[in-house]
C-alpha atoms as a PDB file:
ATOM      1  CA  MET A   1      96.648 114.690  80.037  1.00  0.00           C
ATOM      2  CA  SER A   2      98.156 113.923  76.919  1.00  0.00           C
ATOM      3  CA  LEU A   3     100.049 110.545  78.539  1.00  0.00           C
ATOM      4  CA  THR A   4      98.864 108.219  80.880  1.00  0.00           C
ATOM      5  CA  LEU A   5     100.310 104.796  81.861  1.00  0.00           C
ATOM      6  CA  ARG A   6      97.560 102.206  83.643  1.00  0.00           C
ATOM      7  CA  TYR A   7      98.460  98.473  84.298  1.00  0.00           C
ATOM      8  CA  LEU A   8      95.100  97.125  83.588  1.00  0.00           C
ATOM      9  CA  THR A   9      93.890  93.083  83.210  1.00  0.00           C
ATOM     10  CA  PRO A  10      92.516  91.453  80.661  1.00  0.00           C
ATOM     11  CA  GLU A  11      89.621  91.895  81.900  1.00  0.00           C
ATOM     12  CA  ALA A  12      89.666  95.136  82.594  1.00  0.00           C
ATOM     13  CA  PHE A  13      90.981  96.624  80.075  1.00  0.00           C
ATOM     14  CA  ALA A  14      87.797  94.887  78.056  1.00  0.00           C
ATOM     15  CA  ALA A  15      85.437  96.788  80.290  1.00  0.00           C
ATOM     16  CA  MET A  16      86.856  99.775  79.100  1.00  0.00           C
ATOM     17  CA  PRO A  17      86.031 100.098  75.096  1.00  0.00           C
ATOM     18  CA  GLU A  18      84.920 103.274  74.564  1.00  0.00           C
ATOM     19  CA  MET A  19      89.634 103.666  75.777  1.00  0.00           C
ATOM     20  CA  ALA A  20      90.455 101.729  72.630  1.00  0.00           C
ATOM     21  CA  ALA A  21      90.856 105.225  70.057  1.00  0.00           C
ATOM     22  CA  GLN A  22      92.749 106.249  72.605  1.00  0.00           C
ATOM     23  CA  VAL A  23      95.362 103.586  72.801  1.00  0.00           C
ATOM     24  CA  LEU A  24      98.699 104.240  71.585  1.00  0.00           C
ATOM     25  CA  GLY A  25     100.444 100.754  72.540  1.00  0.00           C
ATOM     26  CA  VAL A  26     100.300  97.931  74.444  1.00  0.00           C
ATOM     27  CA  ALA A  27     102.641  95.940  76.462  1.00  0.00           C
ATOM     28  CA  GLY A  28     101.562  91.885  78.028  1.00  0.00           C
ATOM     29  CA  PHE A  29     103.003  90.408  80.482  1.00  0.00           C
ATOM     30  CA  GLY A  30     101.384  86.991  80.639  1.00  0.00           C
ATOM     31  CA  SER A  31      98.974  88.218  78.213  1.00  0.00           C
ATOM     32  CA  SER A  32      98.407  87.762  74.974  1.00  0.00           C
ATOM     33  CA  ARG A  33      96.901  89.967  73.177  1.00  0.00           C
ATOM     34  CA  PRO A  34      93.512  91.327  74.705  1.00  0.00           C
ATOM     35  CA  PRO A  35      90.079  91.142  72.299  1.00  0.00           C
ATOM     36  CA  GLY A  36      88.875  94.915  71.538  1.00  0.00           C
ATOM     37  CA  LEU A  37      92.326  96.160  70.684  1.00  0.00           C
ATOM     38  CA  ALA A  38      92.288  98.118  66.997  1.00  0.00           C
ATOM     39  CA  PRO A  39      94.276  95.900  64.708  1.00  0.00           C
ATOM     40  CA  ASP A  40      96.278  97.978  63.799  1.00  0.00           C
ATOM     41  CA  CYS A  41      97.138  98.611  67.623  1.00  0.00           C
ATOM     42  CA  PRO A  42     101.101  98.094  68.822  1.00  0.00           C
ATOM     43  CA  PHE A  43     100.874  95.664  70.873  1.00  0.00           C
ATOM     44  CA  LEU A  44     103.721  93.194  71.615  1.00  0.00           C
ATOM     45  CA  GLY A  45     103.462  89.884  74.128  1.00  0.00           C
ATOM     46  CA  VAL A  46     106.547  90.251  76.442  1.00  0.00           C
ATOM     47  CA  ALA A  47     107.795  87.173  77.958  1.00  0.00           C
ATOM     48  CA  LEU A  48     108.406  88.733  81.622  1.00  0.00           C
ATOM     49  CA  PRO A  49     105.498  86.133  83.549  1.00  0.00           C
ATOM     50  CA  PRO A  50     104.144  88.530  86.710  1.00  0.00           C
ATOM     51  CA  VAL A  51     105.276  87.042  90.060  1.00  0.00           C
ATOM     52  CA  ASP A  52     101.946  86.243  91.045  1.00  0.00           C
ATOM     53  CA  GLY A  53     100.643  84.600  87.647  1.00  0.00           C
ATOM     54  CA  SER A  54      98.603  86.666  86.628  1.00  0.00           C
ATOM     55  CA  ALA A  55      98.127  88.985  82.903  1.00  0.00           C
ATOM     56  CA  LEU A  56      98.681  92.132  82.860  1.00  0.00           C
ATOM     57  CA  LEU A  57      98.634  94.981  80.870  1.00  0.00           C
ATOM     58  CA  GLU A  58     100.828  97.414  80.369  1.00  0.00           C
ATOM     59  CA  VAL A  59      98.686 100.278  78.246  1.00  0.00           C
ATOM     60  CA  TRP A  60      99.273 104.053  77.037  1.00  0.00           C
ATOM     61  CA  THR A  61      96.882 106.181  76.083  1.00  0.00           C
ATOM     62  CA  SER A  62      96.808 109.542  75.282  1.00  0.00           C
ATOM     63  CA  ASP A  63      94.233 111.782  75.885  1.00  0.00           C
ATOM     64  CA  ARG A  64      94.790 113.740  72.038  1.00  0.00           C
ATOM     65  CA  PRO A  65      93.326 111.596  68.390  1.00  0.00           C
ATOM     66  CA  VAL A  66      96.000 109.048  68.216  1.00  0.00           C
ATOM     67  CA  GLN A  67      96.914 108.201  64.289  1.00  0.00           C
ATOM     68  CA  ARG A  68      98.873 104.543  63.414  1.00  0.00           C
ATOM     69  CA  SER A  69     100.969 102.575  61.171  1.00  0.00           C
ATOM     70  CA  ALA A  70     103.916 100.590  60.461  1.00  0.00           C
ATOM     71  CA  ARG A  71     107.183 101.487  59.063  1.00  0.00           C
ATOM     72  CA  GLY A  72     109.738  98.582  58.699  1.00  0.00           C
ATOM     73  CA  GLU A  73     109.581  96.643  61.271  1.00  0.00           C
ATOM     74  CA  PHE A  74     108.137  98.865  63.918  1.00  0.00           C
ATOM     75  CA  ARG A  75     104.554  99.262  64.625  1.00  0.00           C
ATOM     76  CA  PHE A  76     104.121 102.144  66.087  1.00  0.00           C
ATOM     77  CA  SER A  77     100.916 105.509  67.013  1.00  0.00           C
ATOM     78  CA  HIS A  78     101.227 108.814  68.152  1.00  0.00           C
ATOM     79  CA  ASP A  79      99.094 111.885  68.977  1.00  0.00           C
ATOM     80  CA  VAL A  80     100.297 116.076  68.268  1.00  0.00           C
ATOM     81  CA  THR A  81     103.631 115.444  71.064  1.00  0.00           C
ATOM     82  CA  HIS A  82     104.371 111.833  71.791  1.00  0.00           C
ATOM     83  CA  LEU A  83     104.784 108.658  69.389  1.00  0.00           C
ATOM     84  CA  PHE A  84     105.285 105.231  70.834  1.00  0.00           C
ATOM     85  CA  GLY A  85     106.695 102.289  69.120  1.00  0.00           C
ATOM     86  CA  MET A  86     107.266  98.720  69.463  1.00  0.00           C
ATOM     87  CA  ILE A  87     109.630  96.058  67.428  1.00  0.00           C
ATOM     88  CA  GLN A  88     111.387  92.437  68.234  1.00  0.00           C
ATOM     89  CA  SER A  89     113.487  90.234  66.373  1.00  0.00           C
ATOM     90  CA  GLU A  90     115.469  86.987  66.844  1.00  0.00           C
ATOM     91  CA  ALA A  91     117.717  87.393  69.788  1.00  0.00           C
ATOM     92  CA  ALA A  92     119.992  84.468  67.617  1.00  0.00           C
ATOM     93  CA  GLY A  93     123.480  85.712  66.222  1.00  0.00           C
ATOM     94  CA  ASP A  94     125.555  88.580  67.228  1.00  0.00           C
ATOM     95  CA  LEU A  95     123.403  90.488  69.530  1.00  0.00           C
ATOM     96  CA  ALA A  96     125.044  93.489  68.991  1.00  0.00           C
ATOM     97  CA  SER A  97     125.175  93.685  65.281  1.00  0.00           C
ATOM     98  CA  VAL A  98     120.725  93.007  65.745  1.00  0.00           C
ATOM     99  CA  THR A  99     120.097  95.346  68.745  1.00  0.00           C
ATOM    100  CA  ARG A 100     122.366  97.918  66.293  1.00  0.00           C
ATOM    101  CA  ASP A 101     119.979  97.139  63.362  1.00  0.00           C
ATOM    102  CA  SER A 102     116.931  97.767  66.088  1.00  0.00           C
ATOM    103  CA  TYR A 103     117.894 101.076  67.204  1.00  0.00           C
ATOM    104  CA  ASP A 104     119.227 102.051  63.674  1.00  0.00           C
ATOM    105  CA  GLN A 105     115.867 101.597  62.613  1.00  0.00           C
ATOM    106  CA  LEU A 106     114.055 103.478  65.434  1.00  0.00           C
ATOM    107  CA  PHE A 107     115.800 106.289  64.831  1.00  0.00           C
ATOM    108  CA  ALA A 108     115.338 106.262  61.447  1.00  0.00           C
ATOM    109  CA  LEU A 109     111.173 106.250  62.480  1.00  0.00           C
ATOM    110  CA  ALA A 110     111.518 109.040  64.923  1.00  0.00           C
ATOM    111  CA  GLU A 111     113.683 111.563  62.800  1.00  0.00           C
ATOM    112  CA  GLU A 112     111.384 110.977  59.986  1.00  0.00           C
ATOM    113  CA  ALA A 113     108.261 111.079  61.658  1.00  0.00           C
ATOM    114  CA  GLY A 114     109.047 114.094  63.623  1.00  0.00           C
ATOM    115  CA  TYR A 115     110.248 113.546  67.503  1.00  0.00           C
ATOM    116  CA  PRO A 116     113.056 113.410  67.589  1.00  0.00           C
ATOM    117  CA  HIS A 117     113.712 112.983  70.905  1.00  0.00           C
ATOM    118  CA  LEU A 118     113.867 110.199  73.219  1.00  0.00           C
ATOM    119  CA  LEU A 119     112.187 110.240  76.462  1.00  0.00           C
ATOM    120  CA  ARG A 120     111.861 106.879  77.528  1.00  0.00           C
ATOM    121  CA  ILE A 121     113.214 103.415  75.836  1.00  0.00           C
ATOM    122  CA  PHE A 122     112.471  99.164  77.563  1.00  0.00           C
ATOM    123  CA  ASN A 123     114.646  96.517  76.455  1.00  0.00           C
ATOM    124  CA  TYR A 124     114.314  93.079  77.416  1.00  0.00           C
ATOM    125  CA  LEU A 125     115.997  91.035  75.808  1.00  0.00           C
ATOM    126  CA  PRO A 126     116.495  86.629  76.040  1.00  0.00           C
ATOM    127  CA  GLY A 127     120.081  85.405  78.450  1.00  0.00           C
ATOM    128  CA  ILE A 128     121.306  88.267  79.067  1.00  0.00           C
ATOM    129  CA  THR A 129     123.343  87.483  81.127  1.00  0.00           C
ATOM    130  CA  ARG A 130     124.822  84.834  79.102  1.00  0.00           C
ATOM    131  CA  VAL A 131     128.275  84.175  77.677  1.00  0.00           C
ATOM    132  CA  GLU A 132     128.623  83.031  73.959  1.00  0.00           C
ATOM    133  CA  ALA A 133     131.520  83.905  72.622  1.00  0.00           C
ATOM    134  CA  GLY A 134     133.613  84.560  75.162  1.00  0.00           C
ATOM    135  CA  GLN A 135     131.125  87.881  75.717  1.00  0.00           C
ATOM    136  CA  GLU A 136     128.297  88.309  78.019  1.00  0.00           C
ATOM    137  CA  ARG A 137     125.418  89.150  75.713  1.00  0.00           C
ATOM    138  CA  TYR A 138     124.723  92.236  78.488  1.00  0.00           C
ATOM    139  CA  ARG A 139     127.574  93.354  76.743  1.00  0.00           C
ATOM    140  CA  ARG A 140     126.757  92.754  73.348  1.00  0.00           C
ATOM    141  CA  PHE A 141     123.710  94.412  73.388  1.00  0.00           C
ATOM    142  CA  ASN A 142     125.272  97.692  74.965  1.00  0.00           C
ATOM    143  CA  GLU A 143     127.524  97.859  72.158  1.00  0.00           C
ATOM    144  CA  GLY A 144     125.057  97.720  69.969  1.00  0.00           C
ATOM    145  CA  ARG A 145     123.473 100.055  71.157  1.00  0.00           C
ATOM    146  CA  HIS A 146     126.209 102.454  71.821  1.00  0.00           C
ATOM    147  CA  GLU A 147     127.296 102.446  68.540  1.00  0.00           C
ATOM    148  CA  ALA A 148     123.740 103.277  66.953  1.00  0.00           C
ATOM    149  CA  PHE A 149     123.849 106.478  69.425  1.00  0.00           C
ATOM    150  CA  ALA A 150     127.212 106.949  67.407  1.00  0.00           C
ATOM    151  CA  ALA A 151     125.821 106.508  64.223  1.00  0.00           C
ATOM    152  CA  ARG A 152     123.757 109.608  64.403  1.00  0.00           C
ATOM    153  CA  GLY A 153     125.530 111.988  66.284  1.00  0.00           C
ATOM    154  CA  ARG A 154     123.568 111.371  69.865  1.00  0.00           C
ATOM    155  CA  VAL A 155     125.758 112.575  72.748  1.00  0.00           C
ATOM    156  CA  VAL A 156     125.627 110.286  75.750  1.00  0.00           C
ATOM    157  CA  GLU A 157     124.499 112.854  77.604  1.00  0.00           C
ATOM    158  CA  ALA A 158     121.050 113.647  76.072  1.00  0.00           C
ATOM    159  CA  ALA A 159     120.454 109.537  76.191  1.00  0.00           C
ATOM    160  CA  PRO A 160     116.523 108.695  77.400  1.00  0.00           C
ATOM    161  CA  ALA A 161     115.823 106.618  80.607  1.00  0.00           C
ATOM    162  CA  ALA A 162     115.773 103.024  80.187  1.00  0.00           C
ATOM    163  CA  CYS A 163     115.423  99.582  81.369  1.00  0.00           C
ATOM    164  CA  ALA A 164     117.272  96.717  80.100  1.00  0.00           C
ATOM    165  CA  LEU A 165     116.515  92.706  81.157  1.00  0.00           C
ATOM    166  CA  GLY A 166     116.767  90.088  80.958  1.00  0.00           C
ATOM    167  CA  SER A 167     113.436  87.824  79.243  1.00  0.00           C
ATOM    168  CA  ALA A 168     112.358  84.415  78.475  1.00  0.00           C
ATOM    169  CA  GLY A 169     111.349  82.968  75.033  1.00  0.00           C
ATOM    170  CA  ASP A 170     114.136  83.350  72.244  1.00  0.00           C
ATOM    171  CA  LEU A 171     112.949  87.373  70.985  1.00  0.00           C
ATOM    172  CA  GLN A 172     114.752  90.667  71.771  1.00  0.00           C
ATOM    173  CA  THR A 173     111.349  93.236  72.663  1.00  0.00           C
ATOM    174  CA  LEU A 174     111.985  97.234  72.288  1.00  0.00           C
ATOM    175  CA  TYR A 175     109.144 100.113  73.068  1.00  0.00           C
ATOM    176  CA  PHE A 176     109.666 103.204  73.085  1.00  0.00           C
ATOM    177  CA  ILE A 177     108.186 106.355  73.813  1.00  0.00           C
ATOM    178  CA  ALA A 178     109.220 109.820  71.340  1.00  0.00           C
ATOM    179  CA  ALA A 179     108.206 113.398  71.972  1.00  0.00           C
ATOM    180  CA  ARG A 180     108.698 116.716  70.085  1.00  0.00           C
ATOM    181  CA  THR A 181     109.999 118.245  72.636  1.00  0.00           C
ATOM    182  CA  ALA A 182     113.217 117.256  74.139  1.00  0.00           C
ATOM    183  CA  GLY A 183     113.529 116.346  78.048  1.00  0.00           C
ATOM    184  CA  LEU A 184     116.075 116.577  81.121  1.00  0.00           C
ATOM    185  CA  PRO A 185     117.589 113.677  81.777  1.00  0.00           C
ATOM    186  CA  ILE A 186     118.477 113.292  85.057  1.00  0.00           C
ATOM    187  CA  GLU A 187     121.617 111.834  86.902  1.00  0.00           C
ATOM    188  CA  ASN A 188     122.157 110.557  90.363  1.00  0.00           C
ATOM    189  CA  PRO A 189     124.685 111.875  92.269  1.00  0.00           C
ATOM    190  CA  ARG A 190     124.772 108.837  94.888  1.00  0.00           C
ATOM    191  CA  GLN A 191     126.160 106.691  91.456  1.00  0.00           C
ATOM    192  CA  ILE A 192     128.389 107.418  88.610  1.00  0.00           C
ATOM    193  CA  SER A 193     126.553 108.510  84.873  1.00  0.00           C
ATOM    194  CA  ALA A 194     125.815 104.731  83.288  1.00  0.00           C
ATOM    195  CA  TYR A 195     127.673 105.932  80.319  1.00  0.00           C
ATOM    196  CA  ARG A 196     130.734 106.623  81.967  1.00  0.00           C
ATOM    197  CA  TYR A 197     130.961 103.056  83.640  1.00  0.00           C
ATOM    198  CA  PRO A 198     134.901 102.213  83.857  1.00  0.00           C
ATOM    199  CA  THR A 199     135.302  99.234  81.078  1.00  0.00           C
ATOM    200  CA  ARG A 200     135.228  96.983  83.599  1.00  0.00           C
ATOM    201  CA  TYR A 201     131.919  96.185  82.104  1.00  0.00           C
ATOM    202  CA  GLY A 202     132.218  95.835  79.095  1.00  0.00           C
ATOM    203  CA  PRO A 203     133.921  97.685  76.240  1.00  0.00           C
ATOM    204  CA  ARG A 204     131.713 100.550  75.872  1.00  0.00           C
ATOM    205  CA  SER A 205     129.200 101.987  78.642  1.00  0.00           C
ATOM    206  CA  PRO A 206     125.425 101.358  79.576  1.00  0.00           C
ATOM    207  CA  THR A 207     123.883 104.208  77.125  1.00  0.00           C
ATOM    208  CA  PHE A 208     120.991 105.129  79.503  1.00  0.00           C
ATOM    209  CA  SER A 209     119.926 108.747  82.028  1.00  0.00           C
ATOM    210  CA  ARG A 210     119.049 107.072  85.780  1.00  0.00           C
ATOM    211  CA  ALA A 211     115.681 109.655  84.080  1.00  0.00           C
ATOM    212  CA  LEU A 212     113.978 111.779  82.706  1.00  0.00           C
ATOM    213  CA  VAL A 213     111.886 114.483  83.330  1.00  0.00           C
ATOM    214  CA  ALA A 214     109.755 115.978  80.324  1.00  0.00           C
ATOM    215  CA  GLN A 215     107.319 118.326  79.836  1.00  0.00           C
ATOM    216  CA  ASP A 216     103.387 117.813  77.468  1.00  0.00           C
ATOM    217  CA  GLU A 217     100.364 119.463  77.847  1.00  0.00           C
ATOM    218  CA  ALA A 218      99.039 118.390  81.037  1.00  0.00           C
ATOM    219  CA  GLY A 219     102.324 119.150  82.789  1.00  0.00           C
ATOM    220  CA  ALA A 220     105.962 117.218  83.335  1.00  0.00           C
ATOM    221  CA  MET A 221     106.504 113.799  83.859  1.00  0.00           C
ATOM    222  CA  LEU A 222     109.647 112.009  85.289  1.00  0.00           C
ATOM    223  CA  PHE A 223     109.748 108.570  83.566  1.00  0.00           C
ATOM    224  CA  LEU A 224     113.049 106.585  85.980  1.00  0.00           C
ATOM    225  CA  SER A 225     115.226 104.144  84.502  1.00  0.00           C
ATOM    226  CA  GLY A 226     116.003 100.968  85.956  1.00  0.00           C
ATOM    227  CA  THR A 227     117.382 101.360  89.658  1.00  0.00           C
ATOM    228  CA  ALA A 228     118.995  99.002  91.725  1.00  0.00           C
ATOM    229  CA  SER A 229     122.032  98.456  94.353  1.00  0.00           C
ATOM    230  CA  ILE A 230     124.599 100.237  93.539  1.00  0.00           C
ATOM    231  CA  VAL A 231     126.060 102.633  94.423  1.00  0.00           C
ATOM    232  CA  SER A 232     128.938 104.308  92.672  1.00  0.00           C
ATOM    233  CA  HIS A 233     129.112 102.481  90.547  1.00  0.00           C
ATOM    234  CA  GLU A 234     129.243  99.417  93.045  1.00  0.00           C
ATOM    235  CA  SER A 235     126.556  96.123  93.259  1.00  0.00           C
ATOM    236  CA  GLN A 236     125.508  96.277  96.564  1.00  0.00           C
ATOM    237  CA  HIS A 237     124.769  94.027  99.529  1.00  0.00           C
ATOM    238  CA  PRO A 238     124.269  90.597  97.335  1.00  0.00           C
ATOM    239  CA  GLY A 239     122.420  87.898  98.412  1.00  0.00           C
ATOM    240  CA  ASP A 240     120.139  90.562 100.743  1.00  0.00           C
ATOM    241  CA  PRO A 241     117.120  91.805  99.373  1.00  0.00           C
ATOM    242  CA  ALA A 242     115.593  93.423 102.047  1.00  0.00           C
ATOM    243  CA  ALA A 243     118.738  95.261 101.982  1.00  0.00           C
ATOM    244  CA  GLN A 244     118.917  95.639  97.987  1.00  0.00           C
ATOM    245  CA  LEU A 245     115.511  97.017  98.274  1.00  0.00           C
ATOM    246  CA  ALA A 246     116.139  99.657 101.116  1.00  0.00           C
ATOM    247  CA  GLU A 247     119.655 100.876  98.703  1.00  0.00           C
ATOM    248  CA  THR A 248     117.241 100.704  95.359  1.00  0.00           C
ATOM    249  CA  LEU A 249     114.882 103.114  97.829  1.00  0.00           C
ATOM    250  CA  ARG A 250     117.403 105.373  98.780  1.00  0.00           C
ATOM    251  CA  ASN A 251     118.513 105.607  94.967  1.00  0.00           C
ATOM    252  CA  LEU A 252     115.052 106.683  93.481  1.00  0.00           C
ATOM    253  CA  ARG A 253     113.826 109.250  96.134  1.00  0.00           C
ATOM    254  CA  ALA A 254     117.910 110.557  95.353  1.00  0.00           C
ATOM    255  CA  LEU A 255     115.931 111.104  92.060  1.00  0.00           C
ATOM    256  CA  LEU A 256     113.091 112.774  93.310  1.00  0.00           C
ATOM    257  CA  THR A 257     115.741 114.841  94.502  1.00  0.00           C
ATOM    258  CA  GLU A 258     117.062 115.691  91.804  1.00  0.00           C
ATOM    259  CA  SER A 259     114.508 116.326  89.658  1.00  0.00           C
ATOM    260  CA  ARG A 260     113.225 118.795  92.239  1.00  0.00           C
ATOM    261  CA  ARG A 261     116.486 121.265  91.974  1.00  0.00           C
ATOM    262  CA  GLN A 262     116.047 120.786  88.752  1.00  0.00           C
ATOM    263  CA  GLY A 263     112.506 122.304  89.325  1.00  0.00           C
ATOM    264  CA  TYR A 264     110.274 119.622  89.120  1.00  0.00           C
ATOM    265  CA  ARG A 265     108.471 117.955  91.967  1.00  0.00           C
ATOM    266  CA  PHE A 266     107.001 114.589  91.641  1.00  0.00           C
ATOM    267  CA  GLU A 267     105.477 112.919  95.013  1.00  0.00           C
ATOM    268  CA  GLU A 268     107.107 109.265  96.004  1.00  0.00           C
ATOM    269  CA  ARG A 269     103.292 108.383  96.488  1.00  0.00           C
ATOM    270  CA  ASP A 270     102.195 108.985  92.756  1.00  0.00           C
ATOM    271  CA  LEU A 271     104.694 106.834  91.096  1.00  0.00           C
ATOM    272  CA  VAL A 272     103.500 104.297  89.337  1.00  0.00           C
ATOM    273  CA  LEU A 273     106.098 101.412  89.542  1.00  0.00           C
ATOM    274  CA  LYS A 274     107.247  98.380  87.577  1.00  0.00           C
ATOM    275  CA  ALA A 275     109.001  95.451  89.969  1.00  0.00           C
ATOM    276  CA  TYR A 276     111.871  92.829  88.607  1.00  0.00           C
ATOM    277  CA  LEU A 277     112.601  90.451  90.379  1.00  0.00           C
ATOM    278  CA  ARG A 278     115.144  87.804  90.468  1.00  0.00           C
ATOM    279  CA  ARG A 279     113.520  85.435  92.937  1.00  0.00           C
ATOM    280  CA  PRO A 280     109.634  84.981  93.152  1.00  0.00           C
ATOM    281  CA  GLU A 281     109.690  84.470  96.273  1.00  0.00           C
ATOM    282  CA  ASP A 282     111.339  87.874  97.284  1.00  0.00           C
ATOM    283  CA  ARG A 283     108.006  88.724  96.481  1.00  0.00           C
ATOM    284  CA  ALA A 284     106.125  89.514  99.786  1.00  0.00           C
ATOM    285  CA  LEU A 285     109.010  90.968 101.443  1.00  0.00           C
ATOM    286  CA  VAL A 286     109.358  92.925  98.450  1.00  0.00           C
ATOM    287  CA  GLU A 287     106.042  94.584  98.147  1.00  0.00           C
ATOM    288  CA  ARG A 288     105.816  95.165 101.613  1.00  0.00           C
ATOM    289  CA  GLY A 289     109.297  97.135 101.807  1.00  0.00           C
ATOM    290  CA  LEU A 290     107.926  99.724  99.079  1.00  0.00           C
ATOM    291  CA  ALA A 291     104.196  99.227 101.060  1.00  0.00           C
ATOM    292  CA  GLU A 292     105.972 100.630 104.201  1.00  0.00           C
ATOM    293  CA  ALA A 293     108.142 103.013 101.986  1.00  0.00           C
ATOM    294  CA  GLY A 294     104.952 104.334 101.163  1.00  0.00           C
ATOM    295  CA  MET A 295     106.713 104.520  97.484  1.00  0.00           C
ATOM    296  CA  GLY A 296     104.059 104.167  94.650  1.00  0.00           C
ATOM    297  CA  ARG A 297     100.999 102.824  93.778  1.00  0.00           C
ATOM    298  CA  ALA A 298      99.955  99.083  93.808  1.00  0.00           C
ATOM    299  CA  PRO A 299     103.254  98.165  92.536  1.00  0.00           C
ATOM    300  CA  ILE A 300     103.802  95.686  89.444  1.00  0.00           C
ATOM    301  CA  LEU A 301     106.095  92.837  90.137  1.00  0.00           C
ATOM    302  CA  LEU A 302     108.314  90.538  86.796  1.00  0.00           C
ATOM    303  CA  ARG A 303     109.968  87.985  86.858  1.00  0.00           C
ATOM    304  CA  ALA A 304     112.583  88.904  85.214  1.00  0.00           C
ATOM    305  CA  GLU A 305     116.913  88.380  84.809  1.00  0.00           C
ATOM    306  CA  ILE A 306     119.197  91.286  86.226  1.00  0.00           C
ATOM    307  CA  CYS A 307     122.160  92.501  83.924  1.00  0.00           C
ATOM    308  CA  ARG A 308     123.804  92.200  87.345  1.00  0.00           C
ATOM    309  CA  PRO A 309     123.872  87.833  88.309  1.00  0.00           C
ATOM    310  CA  GLU A 310     123.939  89.393  92.026  1.00  0.00           C
ATOM    311  CA  LEU A 311     121.374  91.551  91.643  1.00  0.00           C
ATOM    312  CA  LEU A 312     117.812  90.626  93.114  1.00  0.00           C
ATOM    313  CA  LEU A 313     115.803  93.366  92.289  1.00  0.00           C
ATOM    314  CA  GLU A 314     115.291  96.211  89.493  1.00  0.00           C
ATOM    315  CA  ILE A 315     112.754  98.892  89.762  1.00  0.00           C
ATOM    316  CA  GLU A 316     111.753 101.641  87.424  1.00  0.00           C
ATOM    317  CA  GLY A 317     108.749 104.258  87.482  1.00  0.00           C
ATOM    318  CA  TYR A 318     106.624 107.291  85.686  1.00  0.00           C
ATOM    319  CA  ALA A 319     104.992 109.640  87.503  1.00  0.00           C
ATOM    320  CA  ARG A 320     103.197 112.398  86.912  1.00  0.00           C
ATOM    321  CA  GLY A 321     104.111 115.842  88.453  1.00  0.00           C
ATOM    322  CA  GLU A 322     105.008 119.619  88.158  1.00  0.00           C
ATOM    323  CA  ALA A 323     107.159 121.947  87.171  1.00  0.00           C
ATOM    324  CA  LEU A 324     108.025 124.474  90.072  1.00  0.00           C
ATOM    325  CA  GLY A 325     108.069 128.821  90.298  1.00  0.00           C
END
């Protein structure tokens, strides 16, 4: 199996020293860089704490030989199939310019390294819904991201899976997975594609696909973008976390159904889920709801600001599956 995602405590990671050479990169949630991680291995501490106060590591590994290096502000690693890169930037000033610069660097790295096809991007930025100079920061982020895609001639219909959440601190964090071959973007028939949103959400729509299916030597992979209680383009059930969770699960299932229609099967129980909660007090409700739905395995719950003030939660995921036929 070429690409694998694990969520580990720092103690569990330390107990697996044989894994060190296989690590492509690590994101720490409530955790500093763990002992035993190679000095040249990409690591970023993300200012999104687990809601239970624990420390968690998001560990991406490969069973193929891994090489590591740096380009500009990016730290990256790669195997024969995938490229993994990370960057953190000061988020003060014009967020559109900061985002444009980070994405310009990302595209240059991916293209020059020979992994031009983006599969998944994670974006965490402070004060995501804060208004500065008369404009919401998330909208400025979307402008910068769109400009970088346009400058490289990248069409929005081929955009990767992605998320954008509000974090604490003052650093904008970005990490990504790219590949030598293109994935298959998946859209949700219950929703308007994010890159087709009306201008009421900002002068530039969010540039991402609802999900993306990719393949490597071990089979098919599903990358689920941040998914929330949205139908068409409208937020649903403001102030009601139980109803928002139910709507979010309907959207996740719609993406699994659409993936199957496109020729790939992924099981609900095999999803590795990461949930973002605006309010830590909703933890028990979300854990219970996911368990009752049979959705995912021991989901990770992080405290984060969702990109719309009325939304209380957002869920993303990753799974291994198979191509049909």
